[in-house]
Structure formats: C-alpha cells, structure tokens
C-alpha cells in the first residue's frame, strides 16, 4: 500500500516581485498615498495578485510596492510577473527605477 506518489504537476509555484517608483511632483504623503493606491488597486484587480506598499513609507518621492501570486506553472507565473511590471510602467503614474522578482517552487 504505497500512497505517496510524487506528481510533478502538483508543484506549487510562488512568484514574488518588488517595484520601486520615483514619484515626480509629489510633495506630501497624501499625494503619494493617492498614487500608490491607484497603482496597487489596478495591479491587484488585473492580475488577481496580493499587492501592497512594503517600504519607503515616509519618503514623499519614492514608493516600494511588493506583490505575490501563486499557481502551478512556473512559465505562467513568470509571464504574469513580466506583464505586471509592464502594466505598472504603462500606467504612467510614476517612474519605475528598480524591479526585482523571484519564483519559488515548493
């Protein structure tokens, strides 16, 4: 009675990403909050990902947004992360100055 069978298709893939933005003409935390909320809500809604501001909270002209998504196909997760980076830039709300991503298979 062997019930432990490893099936390669049953791997969980976790994609993690971070985007650092430069916010031009942003002189208050209230203005920054408005821009960050617009970016995070659009990314979250379009890609069904968890998105949040994760750093640089007290800096007016920079924002750091992190996101994660889970699936079972590494290529699909990689493609979605690339599309998230592209969409964040295409929104035109802030200039992207750095991006990072990591994909983990568990």
Protein backbone atom coordinates (compact mmCIF):
# COMPACT_ATOMS: atom_id res chain seq x y z
CA UNK A 1 0.00 0.00 0.00
CA UNK A 2 2.04 2.89 -1.25
CA UNK A 3 0.09 6.15 -1.26
CA UNK A 4 2.96 8.59 -1.68
CA UNK A 5 3.37 9.32 -5.35
CA UNK A 6 5.20 12.46 -6.43
CA UNK A 7 3.43 14.13 -9.29
CA UNK A 8 5.40 16.93 -10.95
CA UNK A 9 2.15 18.68 -11.93
CA UNK A 10 1.26 19.14 -8.25
CA UNK A 11 4.05 21.64 -7.55
CA UNK A 12 3.07 24.98 -6.03
CA UNK A 13 4.80 27.95 -7.67
CA UNK A 14 5.04 31.26 -5.81
CA UNK A 15 6.02 34.43 -7.65
CA UNK A 16 7.27 37.38 -5.61
CA UNK A 17 8.04 40.81 -7.01
CA UNK A 18 9.01 44.29 -5.93
CA UNK A 19 8.83 47.58 -7.81
CA UNK A 20 10.47 50.83 -6.68
CA UNK A 21 8.96 54.01 -8.11
CA UNK A 22 10.08 57.63 -8.28
CA UNK A 23 7.10 59.94 -7.79
CA UNK A 24 7.74 63.25 -9.53
CA UNK A 25 5.97 66.37 -8.25
CA UNK A 26 4.84 64.59 -5.10
CA UNK A 27 5.33 66.82 -2.06
CA UNK A 28 3.11 65.20 0.58
CA UNK A 29 2.31 61.77 1.94
CA UNK A 30 -1.33 62.34 1.00
CA UNK A 31 -0.40 62.80 -2.68
CA UNK A 32 1.87 59.76 -2.50
CA UNK A 33 -0.90 57.67 -0.92
CA UNK A 34 -3.25 58.56 -3.80
CA UNK A 35 -0.73 57.42 -6.44
CA UNK A 36 0.25 54.24 -4.56
CA UNK A 37 -3.40 53.29 -4.03
CA UNK A 38 -4.12 53.72 -7.74
CA UNK A 39 -1.16 51.53 -8.73
CA UNK A 40 -1.80 48.80 -6.16
CA UNK A 41 -5.53 48.56 -6.86
CA UNK A 42 -5.06 48.34 -10.63
CA UNK A 43 -2.36 45.69 -10.39
CA UNK A 44 -4.33 43.69 -7.83
CA UNK A 45 -7.55 43.80 -9.85
CA UNK A 46 -5.99 42.99 -13.22
CA UNK A 47 -3.75 40.13 -12.08
CA UNK A 48 -5.55 38.70 -9.05
CA UNK A 49 -2.39 39.19 -7.00
CA UNK A 50 -1.72 40.37 -3.47
CA UNK A 51 -0.21 43.86 -3.76
CA UNK A 52 0.89 46.28 -1.01
CA UNK A 53 3.23 49.15 -0.25
CA UNK A 54 6.12 47.44 1.53
CA UNK A 55 8.76 50.09 2.06
CA UNK A 56 9.81 53.73 1.85
CA UNK A 57 6.61 54.65 3.69
CA UNK A 58 7.80 58.04 4.94
CA UNK A 59 9.58 59.17 1.76
CA UNK A 60 7.44 61.52 -0.36
CA UNK A 61 9.01 60.94 -3.76
CA UNK A 62 9.66 57.18 -3.67
CA UNK A 63 7.39 54.18 -3.27
CA UNK A 64 8.13 50.48 -2.92
CA UNK A 65 5.36 48.07 -3.86
CA UNK A 66 5.54 44.31 -3.34
CA UNK A 67 3.31 41.62 -4.77
CA UNK A 68 2.87 37.88 -4.83
CA UNK A 69 0.91 35.32 -6.80
CA UNK A 70 0.54 31.56 -6.60
CA UNK A 71 -0.04 28.99 -9.32
CA UNK A 72 1.10 25.61 -10.55
CA UNK A 73 3.00 26.60 -13.69
CA UNK A 74 6.34 28.41 -13.49
CA UNK A 75 6.13 29.82 -17.04
CA UNK A 76 2.67 31.28 -16.43
CA UNK A 77 3.75 32.93 -13.17
CA UNK A 78 6.88 34.34 -14.83
CA UNK A 79 4.82 35.72 -17.70
CA UNK A 80 2.28 37.32 -15.34
CA UNK A 81 5.04 39.00 -13.31
CA UNK A 82 6.56 40.42 -16.50
CA UNK A 83 3.12 41.71 -17.50
CA UNK A 84 2.70 43.30 -14.06
CA UNK A 85 6.00 45.15 -14.47
CA UNK A 86 4.92 46.33 -17.93
CA UNK A 87 1.49 47.45 -16.76
CA UNK A 88 2.95 49.35 -13.80
CA UNK A 89 5.11 51.27 -16.25
CA UNK A 90 2.31 51.75 -18.80
CA UNK A 91 0.06 53.33 -16.15
CA UNK A 92 2.33 56.38 -16.31
CA UNK A 93 1.61 57.34 -12.71
CA UNK A 94 5.24 57.08 -11.59
CA UNK A 95 8.67 56.24 -12.98
CA UNK A 96 9.97 52.73 -12.27
CA UNK A 97 13.55 52.89 -11.03
CA UNK A 98 14.04 49.28 -9.91
CA UNK A 99 12.33 45.89 -10.15
CA UNK A 100 13.05 42.51 -8.60
CA UNK A 101 11.38 39.15 -8.88
CA UNK A 102 11.83 35.65 -7.55
CA UNK A 103 9.96 32.46 -8.38
CA UNK A 104 9.89 29.62 -5.86
CA UNK A 105 8.72 26.07 -6.49
CA UNK A 106 7.51 24.28 -3.40
